[in-house]
Amino acid sequence: MNLNDYVHDLNLSKKQAELLGSRLKAWNLLRQDTKVCFYRGCHEEFKDFFSLEDSVMFCNDVCTIMEDFGHEYNPDQ
């Protein structure tokens, strides 16, 4: 498990994640040459392919997202 996994599991904000990384370094629980940085927003280009209804997240356009990934969509598979 890496630091990003903990950040995700704890649902930390960017600021909270950076603080956690900083504290872990200060307590010598991370190597001192470890760089702590988090990038959010990588999901932005795919968010339109997903919907949330009644606490269930699902892909609402499988065909197009498969094309974007360079795969042919076959609903029989």
PDB file of N, CA and C in Angstrom:
ATOM      1  N   MET A   1       0.855  -1.170   0.000  1.00  0.00           N
ATOM      2  CA  MET A   1       0.000   0.000   0.000  1.00  0.00           C
ATOM      3  C   MET A   1       0.904   1.238   0.000  1.00  0.00           C
ATOM      4  N   ASN A   2       0.565   2.220  -0.802  1.00  0.00           N
ATOM      5  CA  ASN A   2       1.362   3.442  -0.831  1.00  0.00           C
ATOM      6  C   ASN A   2       0.567   4.615  -0.259  1.00  0.00           C
ATOM      7  N   LEU A   3       1.218   5.747  -0.176  1.00  0.00           N
ATOM      8  CA  LEU A   3       0.592   6.926   0.429  1.00  0.00           C
ATOM      9  C   LEU A   3      -0.694   7.311  -0.294  1.00  0.00           C
ATOM     10  N   ASN A   4      -0.719   7.211  -1.607  1.00  0.00           N
ATOM     11  CA  ASN A   4      -1.930   7.556  -2.357  1.00  0.00           C
ATOM     12  C   ASN A   4      -3.103   6.667  -1.965  1.00  0.00           C
ATOM     13  N   ASP A   5      -2.817   5.384  -1.672  1.00  0.00           N
ATOM     14  CA  ASP A   5      -3.890   4.483  -1.236  1.00  0.00           C
ATOM     15  C   ASP A   5      -4.492   4.949   0.079  1.00  0.00           C
ATOM     16  N   TYR A   6      -3.635   5.355   1.008  1.00  0.00           N
ATOM     17  CA  TYR A   6      -4.130   5.855   2.297  1.00  0.00           C
ATOM     18  C   TYR A   6      -4.941   7.139   2.112  1.00  0.00           C
ATOM     19  N   VAL A   7      -4.442   8.013   1.269  1.00  0.00           N
ATOM     20  CA  VAL A   7      -5.150   9.264   1.004  1.00  0.00           C
ATOM     21  C   VAL A   7      -6.545   8.964   0.455  1.00  0.00           C
ATOM     22  N   HIS A   8      -6.616   8.029  -0.474  1.00  0.00           N
ATOM     23  CA  HIS A   8      -7.903   7.663  -1.063  1.00  0.00           C
ATOM     24  C   HIS A   8      -8.811   7.027  -0.027  1.00  0.00           C
ATOM     25  N   ASP A   9      -8.278   6.049   0.734  1.00  0.00           N
ATOM     26  CA  ASP A   9      -9.088   5.356   1.740  1.00  0.00           C
ATOM     27  C   ASP A   9      -9.620   6.301   2.814  1.00  0.00           C
ATOM     28  N   LEU A  10      -8.831   7.305   3.166  1.00  0.00           N
ATOM     29  CA  LEU A  10      -9.237   8.262   4.194  1.00  0.00           C
ATOM     30  C   LEU A  10     -10.049   9.420   3.630  1.00  0.00           C
ATOM     31  N   ASN A  11     -10.187   9.454   2.285  1.00  0.00           N
ATOM     32  CA  ASN A  11     -10.940  10.507   1.603  1.00  0.00           C
ATOM     33  C   ASN A  11     -10.416  11.890   1.992  1.00  0.00           C
ATOM     34  N   LEU A  12      -9.094  12.035   1.932  1.00  0.00           N
ATOM     35  CA  LEU A  12      -8.470  13.297   2.325  1.00  0.00           C
ATOM     36  C   LEU A  12      -8.518  14.307   1.191  1.00  0.00           C
ATOM     37  N   SER A  13      -8.623  15.566   1.548  1.00  0.00           N
ATOM     38  CA  SER A  13      -8.523  16.633   0.557  1.00  0.00           C
ATOM     39  C   SER A  13      -7.058  16.765   0.146  1.00  0.00           C
ATOM     40  N   LYS A  14      -6.809  17.535  -0.890  1.00  0.00           N
ATOM     41  CA  LYS A  14      -5.436  17.756  -1.345  1.00  0.00           C
ATOM     42  C   LYS A  14      -4.588  18.344  -0.216  1.00  0.00           C
ATOM     43  N   LYS A  15      -5.133  19.328   0.468  1.00  0.00           N
ATOM     44  CA  LYS A  15      -4.403  19.971   1.560  1.00  0.00           C
ATOM     45  C   LYS A  15      -4.125  18.983   2.697  1.00  0.00           C
ATOM     46  N   GLN A  16      -5.113  18.189   3.049  1.00  0.00           N
ATOM     47  CA  GLN A  16      -4.933  17.202   4.107  1.00  0.00           C
ATOM     48  C   GLN A  16      -3.897  16.144   3.708  1.00  0.00           C
ATOM     49  N   ALA A  17      -3.908  15.735   2.449  1.00  0.00           N
ATOM     50  CA  ALA A  17      -2.953  14.747   1.964  1.00  0.00           C
ATOM     51  C   ALA A  17      -1.531  15.290   2.020  1.00  0.00           C
ATOM     52  N   GLU A  18      -1.359  16.524   1.626  1.00  0.00           N
ATOM     53  CA  GLU A  18      -0.036  17.142   1.674  1.00  0.00           C
ATOM     54  C   GLU A  18       0.442  17.277   3.122  1.00  0.00           C
ATOM     55  N   LEU A  19      -0.472  17.600   4.030  1.00  0.00           N
ATOM     56  CA  LEU A  19      -0.118  17.689   5.442  1.00  0.00           C
ATOM     57  C   LEU A  19       0.281  16.318   5.986  1.00  0.00           C
ATOM     58  N   LEU A  20      -0.459  15.287   5.626  1.00  0.00           N
ATOM     59  CA  LEU A  20      -0.116  13.934   6.058  1.00  0.00           C
ATOM     60  C   LEU A  20       1.278  13.559   5.569  1.00  0.00           C
ATOM     61  N   GLY A  21       1.564  13.809   4.299  1.00  0.00           N
ATOM     62  CA  GLY A  21       2.886  13.508   3.757  1.00  0.00           C
ATOM     63  C   GLY A  21       3.979  14.269   4.476  1.00  0.00           C
ATOM     64  N   SER A  22       3.737  15.525   4.759  1.00  0.00           N
ATOM     65  CA  SER A  22       4.709  16.351   5.463  1.00  0.00           C
ATOM     66  C   SER A  22       4.967  15.821   6.873  1.00  0.00           C
ATOM     67  N   ARG A  23       3.909  15.464   7.576  1.00  0.00           N
ATOM     68  CA  ARG A  23       4.048  14.933   8.937  1.00  0.00           C
ATOM     69  C   ARG A  23       4.776  13.597   8.939  1.00  0.00           C
ATOM     70  N   LEU A  24       4.448  12.732   7.990  1.00  0.00           N
ATOM     71  CA  LEU A  24       5.125  11.435   7.911  1.00  0.00           C
ATOM     72  C   LEU A  24       6.623  11.608   7.661  1.00  0.00           C
ATOM     73  N   LYS A  25       6.960  12.586   6.829  1.00  0.00           N
ATOM     74  CA  LYS A  25       8.380  12.877   6.602  1.00  0.00           C
ATOM     75  C   LYS A  25       9.030  13.404   7.873  1.00  0.00           C
ATOM     76  N   ALA A  26       8.347  14.286   8.587  1.00  0.00           N
ATOM     77  CA  ALA A  26       8.897  14.868   9.812  1.00  0.00           C
ATOM     78  C   ALA A  26       9.108  13.801  10.884  1.00  0.00           C
ATOM     79  N   TRP A  27       8.257  12.773  10.897  1.00  0.00           N
ATOM     80  CA  TRP A  27       8.377  11.697  11.875  1.00  0.00           C
ATOM     81  C   TRP A  27       9.284  10.574  11.371  1.00  0.00           C
ATOM     82  N   ASN A  28       9.974  10.833  10.257  1.00  0.00           N
ATOM     83  CA  ASN A  28      10.880   9.851   9.642  1.00  0.00           C
ATOM     84  C   ASN A  28      10.170   8.560   9.241  1.00  0.00           C
ATOM     85  N   LEU A  29       8.916   8.676   8.837  1.00  0.00           N
ATOM     86  CA  LEU A  29       8.173   7.524   8.347  1.00  0.00           C
ATOM     87  C   LEU A  29       8.149   7.481   6.826  1.00  0.00           C
ATOM     88  N   LEU A  30       8.650   8.532   6.212  1.00  0.00           N
ATOM     89  CA  LEU A  30       8.890   8.582   4.770  1.00  0.00           C
ATOM     90  C   LEU A  30      10.333   9.011   4.569  1.00  0.00           C
ATOM     91  N   ARG A  31      10.932   8.537   3.492  1.00  0.00           N
ATOM     92  CA  ARG A  31      12.291   8.976   3.206  1.00  0.00           C
ATOM     93  C   ARG A  31      12.301  10.488   3.009  1.00  0.00           C
ATOM     94  N   GLN A  32      13.378  11.125   3.448  1.00  0.00           N
ATOM     95  CA  GLN A  32      13.459  12.588   3.371  1.00  0.00           C
ATOM     96  C   GLN A  32      13.472  13.094   1.931  1.00  0.00           C
ATOM     97  N   ASP A  33      13.924  12.272   0.991  1.00  0.00           N
ATOM     98  CA  ASP A  33      13.938  12.719  -0.404  1.00  0.00           C
ATOM     99  C   ASP A  33      12.613  12.436  -1.127  1.00  0.00           C
ATOM    100  N   THR A  34      11.611  11.952  -0.381  1.00  0.00           N
ATOM    101  CA  THR A  34      10.295  11.707  -0.960  1.00  0.00           C
ATOM    102  C   THR A  34       9.611  13.043  -1.238  1.00  0.00           C
ATOM    103  N   LYS A  35       9.108  13.180  -2.449  1.00  0.00           N
ATOM    104  CA  LYS A  35       8.361  14.387  -2.810  1.00  0.00           C
ATOM    105  C   LYS A  35       6.877  14.091  -2.646  1.00  0.00           C
ATOM    106  N   VAL A  36       6.190  14.979  -1.995  1.00  0.00           N
ATOM    107  CA  VAL A  36       4.767  14.810  -1.758  1.00  0.00           C
ATOM    108  C   VAL A  36       4.016  15.810  -2.613  1.00  0.00           C
ATOM    109  N   CYS A  37       3.290  15.289  -3.593  1.00  0.00           N
ATOM    110  CA  CYS A  37       2.452  16.147  -4.436  1.00  0.00           C
ATOM    111  C   CYS A  37       1.302  15.302  -4.956  1.00  0.00           C
ATOM    112  N   PHE A  38       0.173  15.907  -5.089  1.00  0.00           N
ATOM    113  CA  PHE A  38      -1.018  15.205  -5.520  1.00  0.00           C
ATOM    114  C   PHE A  38      -1.659  15.994  -6.642  1.00  0.00           C
ATOM    115  N   TYR A  39      -2.072  15.272  -7.651  1.00  0.00           N
ATOM    116  CA  TYR A  39      -2.711  15.893  -8.792  1.00  0.00           C
ATOM    117  C   TYR A  39      -4.148  15.393  -8.853  1.00  0.00           C
ATOM    118  N   ARG A  40      -5.039  16.288  -8.837  1.00  0.00           N
ATOM    119  CA  ARG A  40      -6.454  15.931  -8.934  1.00  0.00           C
ATOM    120  C   ARG A  40      -6.954  16.412 -10.290  1.00  0.00           C
ATOM    121  N   GLY A  41      -7.979  15.767 -10.766  1.00  0.00           N
ATOM    122  CA  GLY A  41      -8.572  16.218 -12.012  1.00  0.00           C
ATOM    123  C   GLY A  41      -8.333  15.292 -13.187  1.00  0.00           C
ATOM    124  N   CYS A  42      -7.589  14.191 -12.977  1.00  0.00           N
ATOM    125  CA  CYS A  42      -7.322  13.298 -14.103  1.00  0.00           C
ATOM    126  C   CYS A  42      -8.606  12.633 -14.599  1.00  0.00           C
ATOM    127  N   HIS A  43      -9.622  12.651 -13.783  1.00  0.00           N
ATOM    128  CA  HIS A  43     -10.894  12.035 -14.151  1.00  0.00           C
ATOM    129  C   HIS A  43     -11.748  12.940 -15.043  1.00  0.00           C
ATOM    130  N   GLU A  44     -11.376  14.188 -15.157  1.00  0.00           N
ATOM    131  CA  GLU A  44     -12.230  15.180 -15.828  1.00  0.00           C
ATOM    132  C   GLU A  44     -12.621  14.771 -17.241  1.00  0.00           C
ATOM    133  N   GLU A  45     -11.688  14.212 -18.016  1.00  0.00           N
ATOM    134  CA  GLU A  45     -12.017  13.893 -19.408  1.00  0.00           C
ATOM    135  C   GLU A  45     -12.989  12.729 -19.539  1.00  0.00           C
ATOM    136  N   PHE A  46     -13.181  11.959 -18.456  1.00  0.00           N
ATOM    137  CA  PHE A  46     -14.071  10.806 -18.504  1.00  0.00           C
ATOM    138  C   PHE A  46     -15.357  10.977 -17.704  1.00  0.00           C
ATOM    139  N   LYS A  47     -15.497  12.078 -17.010  1.00  0.00           N
ATOM    140  CA  LYS A  47     -16.647  12.228 -16.107  1.00  0.00           C
ATOM    141  C   LYS A  47     -17.994  12.202 -16.824  1.00  0.00           C
ATOM    142  N   ASP A  48     -18.042  12.630 -18.071  1.00  0.00           N
ATOM    143  CA  ASP A  48     -19.308  12.636 -18.793  1.00  0.00           C
ATOM    144  C   ASP A  48     -19.785  11.237 -19.168  1.00  0.00           C
ATOM    145  N   PHE A  49     -18.894  10.244 -19.069  1.00  0.00           N
ATOM    146  CA  PHE A  49     -19.261   8.872 -19.391  1.00  0.00           C
ATOM    147  C   PHE A  49     -19.891   8.140 -18.200  1.00  0.00           C
ATOM    148  N   PHE A  50     -19.970   8.804 -17.051  1.00  0.00           N
ATOM    149  CA  PHE A  50     -20.459   8.151 -15.838  1.00  0.00           C
ATOM    150  C   PHE A  50     -21.599   8.941 -15.216  1.00  0.00           C
ATOM    151  N   SER A  51     -22.488   8.202 -14.574  1.00  0.00           N
ATOM    152  CA  SER A  51     -23.636   8.797 -13.884  1.00  0.00           C
ATOM    153  C   SER A  51     -23.739   8.215 -12.484  1.00  0.00           C
ATOM    154  N   LEU A  52     -24.341   8.985 -11.597  1.00  0.00           N
ATOM    155  CA  LEU A  52     -24.587   8.540 -10.228  1.00  0.00           C
ATOM    156  C   LEU A  52     -26.077   8.628  -9.971  1.00  0.00           C
ATOM    157  N   GLU A  53     -26.670   7.474  -9.660  1.00  0.00           N
ATOM    158  CA  GLU A  53     -28.096   7.422  -9.337  1.00  0.00           C
ATOM    159  C   GLU A  53     -28.292   6.506  -8.141  1.00  0.00           C
ATOM    160  N   ASP A  54     -28.984   6.979  -7.134  1.00  0.00           N
ATOM    161  CA  ASP A  54     -29.270   6.183  -5.929  1.00  0.00           C
ATOM    162  C   ASP A  54     -28.006   5.556  -5.352  1.00  0.00           C
ATOM    163  N   SER A  55     -26.947   6.342  -5.245  1.00  0.00           N
ATOM    164  CA  SER A  55     -25.663   5.910  -4.682  1.00  0.00           C
ATOM    165  C   SER A  55     -24.949   4.849  -5.513  1.00  0.00           C
ATOM    166  N   VAL A  56     -25.333   4.692  -6.774  1.00  0.00           N
ATOM    167  CA  VAL A  56     -24.678   3.737  -7.664  1.00  0.00           C
ATOM    168  C   VAL A  56     -24.037   4.506  -8.817  1.00  0.00           C
ATOM    169  N   MET A  57     -22.731   4.314  -8.998  1.00  0.00           N
ATOM    170  CA  MET A  57     -22.002   4.936 -10.101  1.00  0.00           C
ATOM    171  C   MET A  57     -21.928   3.923 -11.238  1.00  0.00           C
ATOM    172  N   PHE A  58     -22.229   4.378 -12.465  1.00  0.00           N
ATOM    173  CA  PHE A  58     -22.183   3.468 -13.596  1.00  0.00           C
ATOM    174  C   PHE A  58     -21.773   4.209 -14.862  1.00  0.00           C
ATOM    175  N   CYS A  59     -21.228   3.440 -15.801  1.00  0.00           N
ATOM    176  CA  CYS A  59     -20.842   3.998 -17.103  1.00  0.00           C
ATOM    177  C   CYS A  59     -22.105   4.101 -17.942  1.00  0.00           C
ATOM    178  N   ASN A  60     -22.377   5.292 -18.463  1.00  0.00           N
ATOM    179  CA  ASN A  60     -23.599   5.515 -19.226  1.00  0.00           C
ATOM    180  C   ASN A  60     -23.378   5.495 -20.740  1.00  0.00           C
ATOM    181  N   ASP A  61     -22.121   5.309 -21.177  1.00  0.00           N
ATOM    182  CA  ASP A  61     -21.814   5.295 -22.607  1.00  0.00           C
ATOM    183  C   ASP A  61     -20.604   4.396 -22.853  1.00  0.00           C
ATOM    184  N   VAL A  62     -20.819   3.104 -22.697  1.00  0.00           N
ATOM    185  CA  VAL A  62     -19.728   2.135 -22.813  1.00  0.00           C
ATOM    186  C   VAL A  62     -19.117   2.164 -24.206  1.00  0.00           C
ATOM    187  N   CYS A  63     -19.924   2.242 -25.227  1.00  0.00           N
ATOM    188  CA  CYS A  63     -19.433   2.212 -26.607  1.00  0.00           C
ATOM    189  C   CYS A  63     -18.425   3.326 -26.865  1.00  0.00           C
ATOM    190  N   THR A  64     -18.757   4.543 -26.516  1.00  0.00           N
ATOM    191  CA  THR A  64     -17.881   5.686 -26.777  1.00  0.00           C
ATOM    192  C   THR A  64     -16.614   5.644 -25.931  1.00  0.00           C
ATOM    193  N   ILE A  65     -16.728   5.272 -24.668  1.00  0.00           N
ATOM    194  CA  ILE A  65     -15.531   5.239 -23.832  1.00  0.00           C
ATOM    195  C   ILE A  65     -14.578   4.141 -24.306  1.00  0.00           C
ATOM    196  N   MET A  66     -15.114   3.027 -24.777  1.00  0.00           N
ATOM    197  CA  MET A  66     -14.252   1.970 -25.323  1.00  0.00           C
ATOM    198  C   MET A  66     -13.535   2.469 -26.582  1.00  0.00           C
ATOM    199  N   GLU A  67     -14.235   3.212 -27.425  1.00  0.00           N
ATOM    200  CA  GLU A  67     -13.610   3.797 -28.614  1.00  0.00           C
ATOM    201  C   GLU A  67     -12.486   4.749 -28.217  1.00  0.00           C
ATOM    202  N   ASP A  68     -12.717   5.559 -27.191  1.00  0.00           N
ATOM    203  CA  ASP A  68     -11.697   6.499 -26.724  1.00  0.00           C
ATOM    204  C   ASP A  68     -10.446   5.778 -26.229  1.00  0.00           C
ATOM    205  N   PHE A  69     -10.629   4.573 -25.686  1.00  0.00           N
ATOM    206  CA  PHE A  69      -9.489   3.783 -25.231  1.00  0.00           C
ATOM    207  C   PHE A  69      -8.885   2.943 -26.359  1.00  0.00           C
ATOM    208  N   GLY A  70      -9.468   3.056 -27.547  1.00  0.00           N
ATOM    209  CA  GLY A  70      -8.919   2.345 -28.701  1.00  0.00           C
ATOM    210  C   GLY A  70      -9.354   0.890 -28.789  1.00  0.00           C
ATOM    211  N   HIS A  71     -10.502   0.565 -28.186  1.00  0.00           N
ATOM    212  CA  HIS A  71     -11.016  -0.807 -28.231  1.00  0.00           C
ATOM    213  C   HIS A  71     -12.370  -0.820 -28.916  1.00  0.00           C
ATOM    214  N   GLU A  72     -12.647  -1.921 -29.577  1.00  0.00           N
ATOM    215  CA  GLU A  72     -13.953  -2.080 -30.192  1.00  0.00           C
ATOM    216  C   GLU A  72     -14.907  -2.673 -29.162  1.00  0.00           C
ATOM    217  N   TYR A  73     -16.060  -2.075 -29.006  1.00  0.00           N
ATOM    218  CA  TYR A  73     -17.026  -2.549 -28.020  1.00  0.00           C
ATOM    219  C   TYR A  73     -17.877  -3.657 -28.622  1.00  0.00           C
ATOM    220  N   ASN A  74     -17.907  -4.789 -27.944  1.00  0.00           N
ATOM    221  CA  ASN A  74     -18.751  -5.902 -28.351  1.00  0.00           C
ATOM    222  C   ASN A  74     -19.645  -6.256 -27.166  1.00  0.00           C
ATOM    223  N   PRO A  75     -20.934  -5.915 -27.232  1.00  0.00           N
ATOM    224  CA  PRO A  75     -21.832  -6.161 -26.095  1.00  0.00           C
ATOM    225  C   PRO A  75     -22.037  -7.644 -25.786  1.00  0.00           C
ATOM    226  N   ASP A  76     -21.645  -8.523 -26.699  1.00  0.00           N
ATOM    227  CA  ASP A  76     -21.792  -9.959 -26.454  1.00  0.00           C
ATOM    228  C   ASP A  76     -20.672 -10.536 -25.608  1.00  0.00           C
ATOM    229  N   GLN A  77     -19.638  -9.756 -25.369  1.00  0.00           N
ATOM    230  CA  GLN A  77     -18.515 -10.263 -24.570  1.00  0.00           C
ATOM    231  C   GLN A  77     -18.733  -9.992 -23.100  1.00  0.00           C
TER     232      GLN A  77
END
